[in-house]
PDB file of N, CA and C in Angstrom:
ATOM      1  N   MET A   1      88.178   8.572 -20.273  1.00  0.00           N
ATOM      2  CA  MET A   1      87.673   8.573 -21.618  1.00  0.00           C
ATOM      3  C   MET A   1      87.424  10.014 -22.044  1.00  0.00           C
ATOM      4  N   SER A   2      87.885  10.377 -23.196  1.00  0.00           N
ATOM      5  CA  SER A   2      87.687  11.716 -23.732  1.00  0.00           C
ATOM      6  C   SER A   2      86.533  11.714 -24.720  1.00  0.00           C
ATOM      7  N   VAL A   3      85.802  12.821 -24.708  1.00  0.00           N
ATOM      8  CA  VAL A   3      84.683  13.000 -25.621  1.00  0.00           C
ATOM      9  C   VAL A   3      84.763  14.417 -26.164  1.00  0.00           C
ATOM     10  N   ASN A   4      84.583  14.573 -27.461  1.00  0.00           N
ATOM     11  CA  ASN A   4      84.554  15.900 -28.049  1.00  0.00           C
ATOM     12  C   ASN A   4      83.180  16.518 -27.854  1.00  0.00           C
ATOM     13  N   VAL A   5      83.167  17.772 -27.393  1.00  0.00           N
ATOM     14  CA  VAL A   5      81.928  18.491 -27.144  1.00  0.00           C
ATOM     15  C   VAL A   5      82.061  19.878 -27.741  1.00  0.00           C
ATOM     16  N   LYS A   6      81.019  20.348 -28.417  1.00  0.00           N
ATOM     17  CA  LYS A   6      81.037  21.705 -28.963  1.00  0.00           C
ATOM     18  C   LYS A   6      80.557  22.670 -27.884  1.00  0.00           C
ATOM     19  N   LEU A   7      81.371  23.682 -27.624  1.00  0.00           N
ATOM     20  CA  LEU A   7      81.054  24.698 -26.627  1.00  0.00           C
ATOM     21  C   LEU A   7      81.103  26.071 -27.285  1.00  0.00           C
ATOM     22  N   SER A   8      80.368  27.010 -26.740  1.00  0.00           N
ATOM     23  CA  SER A   8      80.386  28.360 -27.304  1.00  0.00           C
ATOM     24  C   SER A   8      81.761  28.995 -27.084  1.00  0.00           C
ATOM     25  N   GLU A   9      82.121  29.864 -28.000  1.00  0.00           N
ATOM     26  CA  GLU A   9      83.409  30.551 -27.893  1.00  0.00           C
ATOM     27  C   GLU A   9      83.475  31.399 -26.631  1.00  0.00           C
ATOM     28  N   SER A  10      82.354  31.997 -26.244  1.00  0.00           N
ATOM     29  CA  SER A  10      82.367  32.849 -25.050  1.00  0.00           C
ATOM     30  C   SER A  10      82.608  32.018 -23.778  1.00  0.00           C
ATOM     31  N   LEU A  11      82.023  30.829 -23.711  1.00  0.00           N
ATOM     32  CA  LEU A  11      82.263  29.964 -22.553  1.00  0.00           C
ATOM     33  C   LEU A  11      83.727  29.560 -22.477  1.00  0.00           C
ATOM     34  N   VAL A  12      84.296  29.184 -23.602  1.00  0.00           N
ATOM     35  CA  VAL A  12      85.708  28.774 -23.636  1.00  0.00           C
ATOM     36  C   VAL A  12      86.603  29.954 -23.265  1.00  0.00           C
ATOM     37  N   ALA A  13      86.277  31.151 -23.742  1.00  0.00           N
ATOM     38  CA  ALA A  13      87.075  32.335 -23.407  1.00  0.00           C
ATOM     39  C   ALA A  13      87.006  32.631 -21.912  1.00  0.00           C
ATOM     40  N   GLN A  14      85.812  32.523 -21.328  1.00  0.00           N
ATOM     41  CA  GLN A  14      85.672  32.731 -19.890  1.00  0.00           C
ATOM     42  C   GLN A  14      86.449  31.670 -19.117  1.00  0.00           C
ATOM     43  N   ALA A  15      86.328  30.430 -19.542  1.00  0.00           N
ATOM     44  CA  ALA A  15      87.039  29.331 -18.875  1.00  0.00           C
ATOM     45  C   ALA A  15      88.546  29.550 -18.953  1.00  0.00           C
ATOM     46  N   LYS A  16      89.009  30.057 -20.070  1.00  0.00           N
ATOM     47  CA  LYS A  16      90.447  30.303 -20.231  1.00  0.00           C
ATOM     48  C   LYS A  16      90.932  31.350 -19.231  1.00  0.00           C
ATOM     49  N   ARG A  17      90.153  32.418 -19.052  1.00  0.00           N
ATOM     50  CA  ARG A  17      90.535  33.467 -18.089  1.00  0.00           C
ATOM     51  C   ARG A  17      90.572  32.907 -16.666  1.00  0.00           C
ATOM     52  N   TYR A  18      89.524  32.198 -16.288  1.00  0.00           N
ATOM     53  CA  TYR A  18      89.472  31.623 -14.940  1.00  0.00           C
ATOM     54  C   TYR A  18      90.548  30.553 -14.756  1.00  0.00           C
ATOM     55  N   ALA A  19      90.775  29.758 -15.783  1.00  0.00           N
ATOM     56  CA  ALA A  19      91.767  28.681 -15.699  1.00  0.00           C
ATOM     57  C   ALA A  19      93.158  29.245 -15.436  1.00  0.00           C
ATOM     58  N   GLN A  20      93.481  30.345 -16.082  1.00  0.00           N
ATOM     59  CA  GLN A  20      94.801  30.941 -15.877  1.00  0.00           C
ATOM     60  C   GLN A  20      94.989  31.400 -14.442  1.00  0.00           C
ATOM     61  N   THR A  21      93.968  32.009 -13.864  1.00  0.00           N
ATOM     62  CA  THR A  21      94.114  32.498 -12.493  1.00  0.00           C
ATOM     63  C   THR A  21      94.086  31.364 -11.471  1.00  0.00           C
ATOM     64  N   GLN A  22      93.438  30.250 -11.808  1.00  0.00           N
ATOM     65  CA  GLN A  22      93.327  29.115 -10.894  1.00  0.00           C
ATOM     66  C   GLN A  22      94.365  28.022 -11.178  1.00  0.00           C
ATOM     67  N   HIS A  23      95.232  28.273 -12.165  1.00  0.00           N
ATOM     68  CA  HIS A  23      96.284  27.317 -12.540  1.00  0.00           C
ATOM     69  C   HIS A  23      95.704  25.964 -12.952  1.00  0.00           C
ATOM     70  N   ARG A  24      94.655  26.026 -13.785  1.00  0.00           N
ATOM     71  CA  ARG A  24      94.035  24.823 -14.337  1.00  0.00           C
ATOM     72  C   ARG A  24      94.076  24.916 -15.852  1.00  0.00           C
ATOM     73  N   SER A  25      93.895  23.785 -16.491  1.00  0.00           N
ATOM     74  CA  SER A  25      93.712  23.793 -17.939  1.00  0.00           C
ATOM     75  C   SER A  25      92.273  24.213 -18.219  1.00  0.00           C
ATOM     76  N   VAL A  26      91.992  24.604 -19.438  1.00  0.00           N
ATOM     77  CA  VAL A  26      90.624  24.992 -19.800  1.00  0.00           C
ATOM     78  C   VAL A  26      89.656  23.821 -19.596  1.00  0.00           C
ATOM     79  N   PRO A  27      89.977  22.605 -20.059  1.00  0.00           N
ATOM     80  CA  PRO A  27      89.048  21.494 -19.805  1.00  0.00           C
ATOM     81  C   PRO A  27      88.834  21.234 -18.309  1.00  0.00           C
ATOM     82  N   LYS A  28      89.884  21.336 -17.506  1.00  0.00           N
ATOM     83  CA  LYS A  28      89.741  21.120 -16.062  1.00  0.00           C
ATOM     84  C   LYS A  28      88.885  22.215 -15.428  1.00  0.00           C
ATOM     85  N   GLN A  29      88.990  23.445 -15.930  1.00  0.00           N
ATOM     86  CA  GLN A  29      88.163  24.531 -15.410  1.00  0.00           C
ATOM     87  C   GLN A  29      86.696  24.267 -15.721  1.00  0.00           C
ATOM     88  N   ILE A  30      86.405  23.813 -16.925  1.00  0.00           N
ATOM     89  CA  ILE A  30      85.027  23.506 -17.297  1.00  0.00           C
ATOM     90  C   ILE A  30      84.518  22.314 -16.486  1.00  0.00           C
ATOM     91  N   GLU A  31      85.360  21.311 -16.248  1.00  0.00           N
ATOM     92  CA  GLU A  31      84.965  20.188 -15.380  1.00  0.00           C
ATOM     93  C   GLU A  31      84.662  20.678 -13.969  1.00  0.00           C
ATOM     94  N   TYR A  32      85.473  21.592 -13.461  1.00  0.00           N
ATOM     95  CA  TYR A  32      85.266  22.155 -12.124  1.00  0.00           C
ATOM     96  C   TYR A  32      83.907  22.856 -12.047  1.00  0.00           C
ATOM     97  N   TRP A  33      83.619  23.693 -13.036  1.00  0.00           N
ATOM     98  CA  TRP A  33      82.326  24.372 -13.068  1.00  0.00           C
ATOM     99  C   TRP A  33      81.190  23.364 -13.144  1.00  0.00           C
ATOM    100  N   SER A  34      81.401  22.306 -13.907  1.00  0.00           N
ATOM    101  CA  SER A  34      80.379  21.271 -14.039  1.00  0.00           C
ATOM    102  C   SER A  34      80.119  20.590 -12.698  1.00  0.00           C
ATOM    103  N   GLN A  35      81.185  20.294 -11.962  1.00  0.00           N
ATOM    104  CA  GLN A  35      81.036  19.670 -10.645  1.00  0.00           C
ATOM    105  C   GLN A  35      80.263  20.581  -9.698  1.00  0.00           C
ATOM    106  N   ILE A  36      80.595  21.877  -9.711  1.00  0.00           N
ATOM    107  CA  ILE A  36      79.902  22.830  -8.847  1.00  0.00           C
ATOM    108  C   ILE A  36      78.422  22.872  -9.201  1.00  0.00           C
ATOM    109  N   GLY A  37      78.126  22.935 -10.486  1.00  0.00           N
ATOM    110  CA  GLY A  37      76.735  22.979 -10.927  1.00  0.00           C
ATOM    111  C   GLY A  37      75.967  21.739 -10.534  1.00  0.00           C
ATOM    112  N   LYS A  38      76.591  20.577 -10.683  1.00  0.00           N
ATOM    113  CA  LYS A  38      75.943  19.307 -10.330  1.00  0.00           C
ATOM    114  C   LYS A  38      75.653  19.256  -8.830  1.00  0.00           C
ATOM    115  N   ILE A  39      76.641  19.610  -8.016  1.00  0.00           N
ATOM    116  CA  ILE A  39      76.446  19.597  -6.562  1.00  0.00           C
ATOM    117  C   ILE A  39      75.374  20.608  -6.166  1.00  0.00           C
ATOM    118  N   ALA A  40      75.399  21.795  -6.768  1.00  0.00           N
ATOM    119  CA  ALA A  40      74.415  22.828  -6.438  1.00  0.00           C
ATOM    120  C   ALA A  40      73.009  22.384  -6.823  1.00  0.00           C
ATOM    121  N   GLU A  41      72.878  21.723  -7.949  1.00  0.00           N
ATOM    122  CA  GLU A  41      71.564  21.257  -8.385  1.00  0.00           C
ATOM    123  C   GLU A  41      71.040  20.145  -7.476  1.00  0.00           C
ATOM    124  N   GLU A  42      71.925  19.258  -7.050  1.00  0.00           N
ATOM    125  CA  GLU A  42      71.522  18.156  -6.178  1.00  0.00           C
ATOM    126  C   GLU A  42      71.293  18.596  -4.734  1.00  0.00           C
ATOM    127  N   ASN A  43      71.899  19.717  -4.344  1.00  0.00           N
ATOM    128  CA  ASN A  43      71.820  20.217  -2.962  1.00  0.00           C
ATOM    129  C   ASN A  43      71.531  21.716  -2.985  1.00  0.00           C
ATOM    130  N   PRO A  44      70.316  22.112  -3.329  1.00  0.00           N
ATOM    131  CA  PRO A  44      70.022  23.537  -3.519  1.00  0.00           C
ATOM    132  C   PRO A  44      70.183  24.399  -2.269  1.00  0.00           C
ATOM    133  N   ASP A  45      70.232  23.791  -1.096  1.00  0.00           N
ATOM    134  CA  ASP A  45      70.376  24.576   0.127  1.00  0.00           C
ATOM    135  C   ASP A  45      71.836  24.845   0.513  1.00  0.00           C
ATOM    136  N   LEU A  46      72.783  24.217  -0.186  1.00  0.00           N
ATOM    137  CA  LEU A  46      74.199  24.433   0.148  1.00  0.00           C
ATOM    138  C   LEU A  46      74.689  25.751  -0.452  1.00  0.00           C
ATOM    139  N   PRO A  47      75.352  26.575   0.352  1.00  0.00           N
ATOM    140  CA  PRO A  47      75.949  27.796  -0.203  1.00  0.00           C
ATOM    141  C   PRO A  47      77.190  27.462  -1.040  1.00  0.00           C
ATOM    142  N   PHE A  48      77.517  28.367  -1.943  1.00  0.00           N
ATOM    143  CA  PHE A  48      78.657  28.144  -2.834  1.00  0.00           C
ATOM    144  C   PHE A  48      79.938  27.860  -2.057  1.00  0.00           C
ATOM    145  N   ASN A  49      80.203  28.603  -0.996  1.00  0.00           N
ATOM    146  CA  ASN A  49      81.445  28.402  -0.239  1.00  0.00           C
ATOM    147  C   ASN A  49      81.557  26.982   0.301  1.00  0.00           C
ATOM    148  N   MET A  50      80.438  26.406   0.711  1.00  0.00           N
ATOM    149  CA  MET A  50      80.467  25.045   1.226  1.00  0.00           C
ATOM    150  C   MET A  50      80.737  24.058   0.090  1.00  0.00           C
ATOM    151  N   ILE A  51      80.136  24.301  -1.056  1.00  0.00           N
ATOM    152  CA  ILE A  51      80.376  23.440  -2.221  1.00  0.00           C
ATOM    153  C   ILE A  51      81.857  23.480  -2.596  1.00  0.00           C
ATOM    154  N   ARG A  52      82.414  24.694  -2.628  1.00  0.00           N
ATOM    155  CA  ARG A  52      83.834  24.842  -2.964  1.00  0.00           C
ATOM    156  C   ARG A  52      84.708  24.118  -1.942  1.00  0.00           C
ATOM    157  N   ASP A  53      84.377  24.242  -0.666  1.00  0.00           N
ATOM    158  CA  ASP A  53      85.152  23.562   0.383  1.00  0.00           C
ATOM    159  C   ASP A  53      85.065  22.046   0.249  1.00  0.00           C
ATOM    160  N   ILE A  54      83.904  21.549  -0.145  1.00  0.00           N
ATOM    161  CA  ILE A  54      83.747  20.102  -0.368  1.00  0.00           C
ATOM    162  C   ILE A  54      84.661  19.641  -1.499  1.00  0.00           C
ATOM    163  N   LEU A  55      84.694  20.406  -2.586  1.00  0.00           N
ATOM    164  CA  LEU A  55      85.556  20.027  -3.716  1.00  0.00           C
ATOM    165  C   LEU A  55      87.026  20.096  -3.336  1.00  0.00           C
ATOM    166  N   ILE A  56      87.407  21.075  -2.558  1.00  0.00           N
ATOM    167  CA  ILE A  56      88.802  21.186  -2.107  1.00  0.00           C
ATOM    168  C   ILE A  56      89.159  19.999  -1.219  1.00  0.00           C
ATOM    169  N   ALA A  57      88.264  19.656  -0.305  1.00  0.00           N
ATOM    170  CA  ALA A  57      88.516  18.529   0.595  1.00  0.00           C
ATOM    171  C   ALA A  57      88.636  17.222  -0.183  1.00  0.00           C
ATOM    172  N   ASP A  58      87.838  17.070  -1.236  1.00  0.00           N
ATOM    173  CA  ASP A  58      87.909  15.853  -2.055  1.00  0.00           C
ATOM    174  C   ASP A  58      89.253  15.728  -2.771  1.00  0.00           C
ATOM    175  N   GLN A  59      89.899  16.857  -3.061  1.00  0.00           N
ATOM    176  CA  GLN A  59      91.163  16.831  -3.789  1.00  0.00           C
ATOM    177  C   GLN A  59      92.367  16.606  -2.874  1.00  0.00           C
ATOM    178  N   GLU A  60      92.194  16.829  -1.583  1.00  0.00           N
ATOM    179  CA  GLU A  60      93.307  16.654  -0.655  1.00  0.00           C
ATOM    180  C   GLU A  60      93.607  15.174  -0.455  1.00  0.00           C
ATOM    181  N   GLU A  61      94.865  14.878  -0.342  1.00  0.00           N
ATOM    182  CA  GLU A  61      95.277  13.503  -0.108  1.00  0.00           C
ATOM    183  C   GLU A  61      95.020  13.136   1.345  1.00  0.00           C
ATOM    184  N   SER A  62      94.599  11.920   1.561  1.00  0.00           N
ATOM    185  CA  SER A  62      94.432  11.491   2.946  1.00  0.00           C
ATOM    186  C   SER A  62      95.810  11.234   3.540  1.00  0.00           C
ATOM    187  N   SER A  63      95.993  11.665   4.770  1.00  0.00           N
ATOM    188  CA  SER A  63      97.303  11.547   5.402  1.00  0.00           C
ATOM    189  C   SER A  63      97.395  10.339   6.315  1.00  0.00           C
ATOM    190  N   ASN A  64      96.295   9.622   6.481  1.00  0.00           N
ATOM    191  CA  ASN A  64      96.244   8.486   7.400  1.00  0.00           C
ATOM    192  C   ASN A  64      96.640   8.903   8.814  1.00  0.00           C
ATOM    193  N   GLU A  65      96.470  10.198   9.122  1.00  0.00           N
ATOM    194  CA  GLU A  65      96.844  10.710  10.423  1.00  0.00           C
ATOM    195  C   GLU A  65      95.953  10.151  11.525  1.00  0.00           C
ATOM    196  N   TYR A  66      94.687   9.995  11.224  1.00  0.00           N
ATOM    197  CA  TYR A  66      93.737   9.487  12.227  1.00  0.00           C
ATOM    198  C   TYR A  66      93.354   8.074  11.866  1.00  0.00           C
ATOM    199  N   GLN A  67      93.945   7.141  12.544  1.00  0.00           N
ATOM    200  CA  GLN A  67      93.626   5.734  12.329  1.00  0.00           C
ATOM    201  C   GLN A  67      92.985   5.195  13.593  1.00  0.00           C
ATOM    202  N   PHE A  68      91.866   4.554  13.417  1.00  0.00           N
ATOM    203  CA  PHE A  68      91.175   3.958  14.541  1.00  0.00           C
ATOM    204  C   PHE A  68      91.409   2.466  14.531  1.00  0.00           C
ATOM    205  N   ASP A  69      91.813   1.932  15.662  1.00  0.00           N
ATOM    206  CA  ASP A  69      92.093   0.488  15.751  1.00  0.00           C
ATOM    207  C   ASP A  69      90.923  -0.254  16.331  1.00  0.00           C
TER     208      ASP A  69
END
């Protein structure tokens, strides 16, 4: 579901710069930042690198390499 949200021009400009280097769209970059902020707020003791690694792991496809019978 899409929702229109008003954002400051400076935030959108920053997101555009980061999005280009990370090969994301501007909305996806803002969603990414939002996810990081949410995880950081819910888990204040987690360092940024761990949060980033969690998000990367969530995006990886499961390979079904380890199956337990």
